[in-house]
Amino acid sequence: MIPKQQLFTLLFSFCIIVTGKSAFSQKAPCKILHSLLTYEDARKTFHLDKYRDAPIIFIDVNGYFTNCKLDSAYGRNVDITTDSSFMQISNCSNFIIKSVTKKRNKYTVEIYHRHREAYGFIIFRQKKDDFFITDFSIGNF
């Protein structure tokens, strides 16, 4: 028979593992990235309409957007990769997706743009099948 304290510790550890696993395997809606790419402040901040010879690359190591396909934005191709080697490249078109969390009908995307050394959070509100940016907090730290 397992002592009560060890049983509690074992059960607690199991819950942490299961909860952590489900959080990392959660997929985010593709429309979030589309909403970000069409947001005027994002275009201005990240110069999305410049550097037309380079594709816009979202580096998504945790795989939140692995099933997403985006055609183009501002005449530039848009790619999503899970290859972490892109994180070391300081390119004007690379965006690192650090995390995606969901609370009710709001998604928070933590993003880092290495070339501009810009880091921040973008909060999206879901209304039916559309996503609207309610907070675009990006800065250089």
N, C-alpha and C. Protein backbone atom coordinates (compact mmCIF):
# COMPACT_ATOMS: atom_id res chain seq x y z
N MET A 1 0.84 -1.18 0.00
CA MET A 1 0.00 0.00 0.00
C MET A 1 0.88 1.24 0.00
N ILE A 2 0.48 2.23 -0.81
CA ILE A 2 1.23 3.48 -0.95
C ILE A 2 0.76 4.46 0.12
N PRO A 3 1.73 5.08 0.83
CA PRO A 3 1.36 6.08 1.83
C PRO A 3 0.61 7.24 1.18
N LYS A 4 -0.24 7.86 1.97
CA LYS A 4 -1.12 8.92 1.49
C LYS A 4 -0.34 10.09 0.87
N GLN A 5 0.76 10.49 1.47
CA GLN A 5 1.57 11.61 0.97
C GLN A 5 2.17 11.27 -0.39
N GLN A 6 2.69 10.07 -0.57
CA GLN A 6 3.27 9.68 -1.84
C GLN A 6 2.21 9.58 -2.93
N LEU A 7 1.04 9.09 -2.57
CA LEU A 7 -0.07 8.99 -3.51
C LEU A 7 -0.48 10.38 -4.00
N PHE A 8 -0.57 11.32 -3.05
CA PHE A 8 -0.91 12.70 -3.41
C PHE A 8 0.14 13.30 -4.34
N THR A 9 1.41 13.10 -4.03
CA THR A 9 2.51 13.62 -4.85
C THR A 9 2.47 13.01 -6.25
N LEU A 10 2.23 11.72 -6.33
CA LEU A 10 2.16 11.04 -7.61
C LEU A 10 0.99 11.55 -8.44
N LEU A 11 -0.16 11.71 -7.82
CA LEU A 11 -1.35 12.22 -8.51
C LEU A 11 -1.15 13.66 -8.98
N PHE A 12 -0.55 14.48 -8.13
CA PHE A 12 -0.28 15.87 -8.48
C PHE A 12 0.69 15.95 -9.66
N SER A 13 1.74 15.15 -9.64
CA SER A 13 2.71 15.13 -10.74
C SER A 13 2.06 14.69 -12.04
N PHE A 14 1.21 13.71 -11.96
CA PHE A 14 0.51 13.23 -13.15
C PHE A 14 -0.36 14.33 -13.75
N CYS A 15 -1.07 15.06 -12.90
CA CYS A 15 -1.92 16.16 -13.38
C CYS A 15 -1.09 17.25 -14.06
N ILE A 16 0.06 17.56 -13.50
CA ILE A 16 0.94 18.57 -14.09
C ILE A 16 1.42 18.11 -15.47
N ILE A 17 1.81 16.87 -15.59
CA ILE A 17 2.29 16.34 -16.87
C ILE A 17 1.17 16.36 -17.91
N VAL A 18 0.00 15.91 -17.54
CA VAL A 18 -1.12 15.86 -18.48
C VAL A 18 -1.54 17.26 -18.90
N THR A 19 -1.62 18.18 -17.96
CA THR A 19 -2.01 19.55 -18.26
C THR A 19 -0.97 20.23 -19.13
N GLY A 20 0.29 20.07 -18.80
CA GLY A 20 1.37 20.65 -19.59
C GLY A 20 1.39 20.10 -20.99
N LYS A 21 1.19 18.83 -21.14
CA LYS A 21 1.18 18.20 -22.46
C LYS A 21 0.06 18.74 -23.32
N SER A 22 -1.13 18.89 -22.76
CA SER A 22 -2.25 19.38 -23.56
C SER A 22 -2.07 20.85 -23.93
N ALA A 23 -1.43 21.64 -23.09
CA ALA A 23 -1.21 23.05 -23.40
C ALA A 23 -0.24 23.20 -24.56
N PHE A 24 0.80 22.38 -24.61
CA PHE A 24 1.77 22.49 -25.69
C PHE A 24 1.25 21.92 -26.99
N SER A 25 0.32 21.00 -26.95
CA SER A 25 -0.15 20.39 -28.18
C SER A 25 -1.38 21.11 -28.75
N GLN A 26 -1.81 22.17 -28.11
CA GLN A 26 -2.99 22.90 -28.57
C GLN A 26 -2.65 23.69 -29.83
N LYS A 27 -3.50 23.58 -30.83
CA LYS A 27 -3.32 24.31 -32.07
C LYS A 27 -4.09 25.62 -32.01
N ALA A 28 -3.55 26.61 -32.68
CA ALA A 28 -4.21 27.92 -32.73
C ALA A 28 -4.84 28.12 -34.10
N PRO A 29 -5.92 28.86 -34.17
CA PRO A 29 -6.57 29.11 -35.47
C PRO A 29 -5.66 29.90 -36.42
N CYS A 30 -5.64 29.50 -37.67
CA CYS A 30 -4.81 30.16 -38.69
C CYS A 30 -5.20 31.60 -38.91
N LYS A 31 -6.46 31.91 -38.67
CA LYS A 31 -6.94 33.27 -38.91
C LYS A 31 -6.26 34.29 -38.01
N ILE A 32 -5.63 33.82 -36.94
CA ILE A 32 -4.89 34.74 -36.07
C ILE A 32 -3.73 35.36 -36.84
N LEU A 33 -2.97 34.54 -37.56
CA LEU A 33 -1.85 35.07 -38.33
C LEU A 33 -2.33 35.97 -39.47
N HIS A 34 -3.41 35.60 -40.10
CA HIS A 34 -3.98 36.44 -41.16
C HIS A 34 -4.38 37.81 -40.59
N SER A 35 -4.99 37.80 -39.42
CA SER A 35 -5.40 39.05 -38.77
C SER A 35 -4.17 39.90 -38.44
N LEU A 36 -3.10 39.26 -37.98
CA LEU A 36 -1.87 39.99 -37.67
C LEU A 36 -1.27 40.62 -38.92
N LEU A 37 -1.24 39.86 -40.00
CA LEU A 37 -0.64 40.36 -41.23
C LEU A 37 -1.42 41.52 -41.85
N THR A 38 -2.70 41.58 -41.61
CA THR A 38 -3.52 42.65 -42.20
C THR A 38 -3.72 43.83 -41.24
N TYR A 39 -3.16 43.75 -40.05
CA TYR A 39 -3.30 44.82 -39.05
C TYR A 39 -2.35 45.97 -39.39
N GLU A 40 -2.87 47.17 -39.47
CA GLU A 40 -2.10 48.33 -39.92
C GLU A 40 -0.89 48.62 -39.03
N ASP A 41 -1.04 48.53 -37.71
CA ASP A 41 0.08 48.80 -36.80
C ASP A 41 1.19 47.76 -36.97
N ALA A 42 0.84 46.52 -37.27
CA ALA A 42 1.85 45.49 -37.51
C ALA A 42 2.60 45.79 -38.80
N ARG A 43 1.89 46.25 -39.83
CA ARG A 43 2.53 46.60 -41.09
C ARG A 43 3.57 47.71 -40.88
N LYS A 44 3.17 48.72 -40.11
CA LYS A 44 4.07 49.84 -39.85
C LYS A 44 5.25 49.44 -38.95
N THR A 45 4.96 48.72 -37.89
CA THR A 45 6.00 48.35 -36.92
C THR A 45 7.03 47.41 -37.51
N PHE A 46 6.59 46.41 -38.24
CA PHE A 46 7.48 45.38 -38.76
C PHE A 46 7.85 45.58 -40.24
N HIS A 47 7.42 46.70 -40.84
CA HIS A 47 7.73 46.99 -42.24
C HIS A 47 7.36 45.82 -43.15
N LEU A 48 6.15 45.32 -42.97
CA LEU A 48 5.71 44.15 -43.73
C LEU A 48 5.58 44.42 -45.23
N ASP A 49 5.41 45.67 -45.59
CA ASP A 49 5.25 46.00 -47.00
C ASP A 49 6.57 46.33 -47.68
N LYS A 50 7.69 46.19 -46.98
CA LYS A 50 9.02 46.41 -47.54
C LYS A 50 9.70 45.06 -47.73
N TYR A 51 10.89 45.08 -48.28
CA TYR A 51 11.71 43.88 -48.47
C TYR A 51 10.94 42.80 -49.25
N ARG A 52 10.37 43.17 -50.36
CA ARG A 52 9.51 42.27 -51.13
C ARG A 52 10.22 41.05 -51.67
N ASP A 53 11.55 41.06 -51.70
CA ASP A 53 12.27 39.90 -52.20
C ASP A 53 12.42 38.80 -51.15
N ALA A 54 12.12 39.10 -49.90
CA ALA A 54 12.26 38.11 -48.83
C ALA A 54 10.88 37.69 -48.32
N PRO A 55 10.69 36.39 -48.08
CA PRO A 55 9.40 35.95 -47.55
C PRO A 55 9.25 36.32 -46.07
N ILE A 56 8.03 36.46 -45.62
CA ILE A 56 7.73 36.64 -44.20
C ILE A 56 7.72 35.24 -43.60
N ILE A 57 8.53 35.03 -42.56
CA ILE A 57 8.65 33.70 -41.97
C ILE A 57 8.26 33.75 -40.50
N PHE A 58 7.27 32.93 -40.13
CA PHE A 58 6.90 32.76 -38.73
C PHE A 58 7.60 31.50 -38.24
N ILE A 59 8.43 31.66 -37.21
CA ILE A 59 9.16 30.53 -36.63
C ILE A 59 8.34 30.05 -35.44
N ASP A 60 7.76 28.89 -35.60
CA ASP A 60 6.78 28.34 -34.65
C ASP A 60 7.29 27.00 -34.12
N VAL A 61 8.28 27.06 -33.26
CA VAL A 61 8.93 25.85 -32.76
C VAL A 61 7.97 24.96 -31.98
N ASN A 62 7.00 25.55 -31.29
CA ASN A 62 6.05 24.76 -30.50
C ASN A 62 4.90 24.21 -31.33
N GLY A 63 4.81 24.57 -32.59
CA GLY A 63 3.82 24.00 -33.50
C GLY A 63 2.39 24.46 -33.31
N TYR A 64 2.20 25.70 -32.90
CA TYR A 64 0.84 26.21 -32.74
C TYR A 64 0.13 26.35 -34.08
N PHE A 65 0.89 26.66 -35.12
CA PHE A 65 0.30 26.95 -36.43
C PHE A 65 0.81 25.99 -37.52
N THR A 66 1.15 24.78 -37.15
CA THR A 66 1.76 23.85 -38.12
C THR A 66 0.85 23.48 -39.27
N ASN A 67 -0.43 23.47 -39.09
CA ASN A 67 -1.35 23.09 -40.16
C ASN A 67 -1.81 24.28 -40.99
N CYS A 68 -1.26 25.44 -40.76
CA CYS A 68 -1.70 26.65 -41.45
C CYS A 68 -0.92 26.87 -42.74
N LYS A 69 -1.63 27.37 -43.72
CA LYS A 69 -1.03 27.77 -45.00
C LYS A 69 -1.51 29.18 -45.31
N LEU A 70 -0.57 30.09 -45.46
CA LEU A 70 -0.90 31.47 -45.81
C LEU A 70 -0.24 31.77 -47.16
N ASP A 71 -1.00 32.31 -48.07
CA ASP A 71 -0.49 32.55 -49.42
C ASP A 71 0.55 33.66 -49.46
N SER A 72 0.10 34.86 -49.29
CA SER A 72 1.02 35.99 -49.37
C SER A 72 0.43 37.18 -48.63
N ALA A 73 1.29 38.13 -48.36
CA ALA A 73 0.87 39.40 -47.74
C ALA A 73 1.77 40.50 -48.28
N TYR A 74 1.17 41.57 -48.75
CA TYR A 74 1.91 42.72 -49.29
C TYR A 74 2.85 42.30 -50.42
N GLY A 75 2.43 41.34 -51.22
CA GLY A 75 3.23 40.87 -52.34
C GLY A 75 4.39 39.98 -51.94
N ARG A 76 4.40 39.50 -50.71
CA ARG A 76 5.48 38.65 -50.22
C ARG A 76 4.91 37.28 -49.83
N ASN A 77 5.69 36.23 -50.07
CA ASN A 77 5.29 34.90 -49.62
C ASN A 77 5.32 34.86 -48.10
N VAL A 78 4.46 34.03 -47.52
CA VAL A 78 4.42 33.84 -46.07
C VAL A 78 4.65 32.36 -45.79
N ASP A 79 5.66 32.07 -44.97
CA ASP A 79 5.98 30.70 -44.61
C ASP A 79 5.89 30.53 -43.09
N ILE A 80 5.54 29.32 -42.68
CA ILE A 80 5.53 28.96 -41.27
C ILE A 80 6.44 27.76 -41.11
N THR A 81 7.41 27.85 -40.23
CA THR A 81 8.35 26.76 -40.04
C THR A 81 8.48 26.41 -38.57
N THR A 82 8.81 25.16 -38.31
CA THR A 82 9.10 24.72 -36.94
C THR A 82 10.60 24.49 -36.74
N ASP A 83 11.38 24.85 -37.74
CA ASP A 83 12.83 24.67 -37.71
C ASP A 83 13.47 25.73 -36.82
N SER A 84 14.02 25.30 -35.69
CA SER A 84 14.58 26.24 -34.71
C SER A 84 15.86 26.92 -35.20
N SER A 85 16.49 26.42 -36.24
CA SER A 85 17.71 27.06 -36.73
C SER A 85 17.43 28.46 -37.28
N PHE A 86 16.20 28.73 -37.69
CA PHE A 86 15.84 30.06 -38.16
C PHE A 86 15.88 31.09 -37.02
N MET A 87 15.82 30.64 -35.78
CA MET A 87 15.82 31.57 -34.64
C MET A 87 17.15 32.31 -34.53
N GLN A 88 18.22 31.73 -35.05
CA GLN A 88 19.54 32.35 -34.95
C GLN A 88 19.80 33.38 -36.04
N ILE A 89 18.93 33.43 -37.04
CA ILE A 89 19.11 34.33 -38.17
C ILE A 89 18.42 35.66 -37.85
N SER A 90 19.19 36.72 -37.88
CA SER A 90 18.63 38.05 -37.68
C SER A 90 18.21 38.59 -39.04
N ASN A 91 16.97 38.39 -39.37
CA ASN A 91 16.45 38.75 -40.69
C ASN A 91 15.25 39.66 -40.47
N CYS A 92 15.08 40.62 -41.36
CA CYS A 92 13.99 41.59 -41.23
C CYS A 92 12.63 40.94 -41.39
N SER A 93 12.60 39.68 -41.85
CA SER A 93 11.33 39.03 -42.14
C SER A 93 11.01 37.85 -41.24
N ASN A 94 11.83 37.57 -40.25
CA ASN A 94 11.62 36.43 -39.37
C ASN A 94 10.95 36.86 -38.07
N PHE A 95 9.86 36.16 -37.73
CA PHE A 95 9.12 36.43 -36.49
C PHE A 95 9.09 35.15 -35.68
N ILE A 96 9.51 35.22 -34.43
CA ILE A 96 9.52 34.05 -33.55
C ILE A 96 8.27 34.07 -32.70
N ILE A 97 7.47 33.02 -32.80
CA ILE A 97 6.27 32.89 -31.97
C ILE A 97 6.68 32.17 -30.70
N LYS A 98 6.70 32.91 -29.61
CA LYS A 98 7.16 32.36 -28.33
C LYS A 98 6.08 31.53 -27.66
N SER A 99 4.85 32.01 -27.67
CA SER A 99 3.77 31.25 -27.04
C SER A 99 2.42 31.74 -27.55
N VAL A 100 1.43 30.87 -27.40
CA VAL A 100 0.04 31.21 -27.70
C VAL A 100 -0.80 30.66 -26.56
N THR A 101 -1.58 31.53 -25.93
CA THR A 101 -2.47 31.09 -24.86
C THR A 101 -3.89 31.53 -25.18
N LYS A 102 -4.82 30.79 -24.62
CA LYS A 102 -6.24 31.09 -24.85
C LYS A 102 -6.97 31.16 -23.52
N LYS A 103 -7.78 32.20 -23.37
CA LYS A 103 -8.70 32.34 -22.24
C LYS A 103 -10.03 32.78 -22.81
N ARG A 104 -11.00 31.92 -22.71
CA ARG A 104 -12.34 32.16 -23.26
C ARG A 104 -12.25 32.47 -24.75
N ASN A 105 -12.64 33.66 -25.15
CA ASN A 105 -12.61 34.00 -26.58
C ASN A 105 -11.44 34.92 -26.93
N LYS A 106 -10.39 34.91 -26.10
CA LYS A 106 -9.22 35.74 -26.34
C LYS A 106 -7.96 34.88 -26.45
N TYR A 107 -7.17 35.18 -27.46
CA TYR A 107 -5.88 34.53 -27.66
C TYR A 107 -4.79 35.57 -27.45
N THR A 108 -3.73 35.18 -26.76
CA THR A 108 -2.57 36.04 -26.59
C THR A 108 -1.39 35.38 -27.27
N VAL A 109 -0.78 36.11 -28.18
CA VAL A 109 0.39 35.62 -28.90
C VAL A 109 1.60 36.42 -28.45
N GLU A 110 2.59 35.72 -27.95
CA GLU A 110 3.85 36.34 -27.54
C GLU A 110 4.79 36.22 -28.74
N ILE A 111 5.32 37.33 -29.21
CA ILE A 111 6.11 37.33 -30.44
C ILE A 111 7.41 38.10 -30.26
N TYR A 112 8.44 37.69 -31.00
CA TYR A 112 9.74 38.35 -30.94
C TYR A 112 10.26 38.54 -32.36
N HIS A 113 10.70 39.74 -32.67
CA HIS A 113 11.28 40.06 -33.97
C HIS A 113 12.74 40.41 -33.71
N ARG A 114 13.61 39.44 -33.99
CA ARG A 114 15.02 39.57 -33.62
C ARG A 114 15.71 40.74 -34.33
N HIS A 115 15.42 40.95 -35.58
CA HIS A 115 16.11 41.99 -36.35
C HIS A 115 15.87 43.38 -35.74
N ARG A 116 14.66 43.65 -35.32
CA ARG A 116 14.34 44.94 -34.70
C ARG A 116 14.44 44.89 -33.18
N GLU A 117 14.74 43.71 -32.65
CA GLU A 117 14.77 43.47 -31.21
C GLU A 117 13.47 43.94 -30.55
N ALA A 118 12.38 43.62 -31.20
CA ALA A 118 11.05 43.99 -30.71
C ALA A 118 10.40 42.75 -30.10
N TYR A 119 9.82 42.94 -28.94
CA TYR A 119 9.19 41.85 -28.21
C TYR A 119 7.86 42.34 -27.67
N GLY A 120 6.88 41.45 -27.64
CA GLY A 120 5.63 41.87 -27.04
C GLY A 120 4.52 40.87 -27.16
N PHE A 121 3.34 41.35 -26.84
CA PHE A 121 2.13 40.53 -26.82
C PHE A 121 1.09 41.15 -27.74
N ILE A 122 0.39 40.28 -28.42
CA ILE A 122 -0.73 40.71 -29.26
C ILE A 122 -1.95 39.93 -28.78
N ILE A 123 -3.00 40.64 -28.43
CA ILE A 123 -4.21 39.98 -27.94
C ILE A 123 -5.27 40.05 -29.02
N PHE A 124 -5.80 38.88 -29.34
CA PHE A 124 -6.84 38.73 -30.35
C PHE A 124 -8.14 38.35 -29.67
N ARG A 125 -9.21 38.95 -30.12
CA ARG A 125 -10.55 38.59 -29.62
C ARG A 125 -11.28 37.89 -30.73
N GLN A 126 -11.85 36.74 -30.41
CA GLN A 126 -12.59 35.97 -31.39
C GLN A 126 -14.06 36.35 -31.34
N LYS A 127 -14.60 36.66 -32.50
CA LYS A 127 -16.03 36.95 -32.61
C LYS A 127 -16.53 36.14 -33.79
N LYS A 128 -17.24 35.08 -33.47
CA LYS A 128 -17.67 34.08 -34.45
C LYS A 128 -16.43 33.47 -35.09
N ASP A 129 -16.27 33.62 -36.39
CA ASP A 129 -15.10 33.03 -37.06
C ASP A 129 -13.99 34.04 -37.34
N ASP A 130 -14.13 35.27 -36.87
CA ASP A 130 -13.14 36.30 -37.13
C ASP A 130 -12.34 36.62 -35.86
N PHE A 131 -11.14 37.16 -36.09
CA PHE A 131 -10.27 37.54 -34.99
C PHE A 131 -9.90 39.01 -35.15
N PHE A 132 -10.02 39.75 -34.06
CA PHE A 132 -9.72 41.18 -34.05
C PHE A 132 -8.64 41.44 -33.01
N ILE A 133 -7.69 42.27 -33.37
CA ILE A 133 -6.62 42.62 -32.42
C ILE A 133 -7.15 43.71 -31.48
N THR A 134 -7.11 43.41 -30.19
CA THR A 134 -7.57 44.37 -29.19
C THR A 134 -6.41 45.04 -28.47
N ASP A 135 -5.23 44.44 -28.52
CA ASP A 135 -4.04 45.02 -27.88
C ASP A 135 -2.81 44.61 -28.65
N PHE A 136 -2.06 45.58 -29.09
CA PHE A 136 -0.84 45.36 -29.86
C PHE A 136 0.29 46.03 -29.08
N SER A 137 0.90 45.30 -28.16
CA SER A 137 1.92 45.86 -27.26
C SER A 137 3.30 45.31 -27.66
N ILE A 138 4.00 46.07 -28.49
CA ILE A 138 5.30 45.66 -28.98
C ILE A 138 6.28 46.77 -28.64
N GLY A 139 7.46 46.38 -28.17
CA GLY A 139 8.46 47.38 -27.86
C GLY A 139 9.86 46.82 -27.93
N ASN A 140 10.84 47.70 -27.86
CA ASN A 140 12.24 47.30 -27.84
C ASN A 140 12.71 47.36 -26.40
N PHE A 141 13.29 46.26 -25.95
CA PHE A 141 13.75 46.21 -24.56
C PHE A 141 15.23 45.93 -24.50
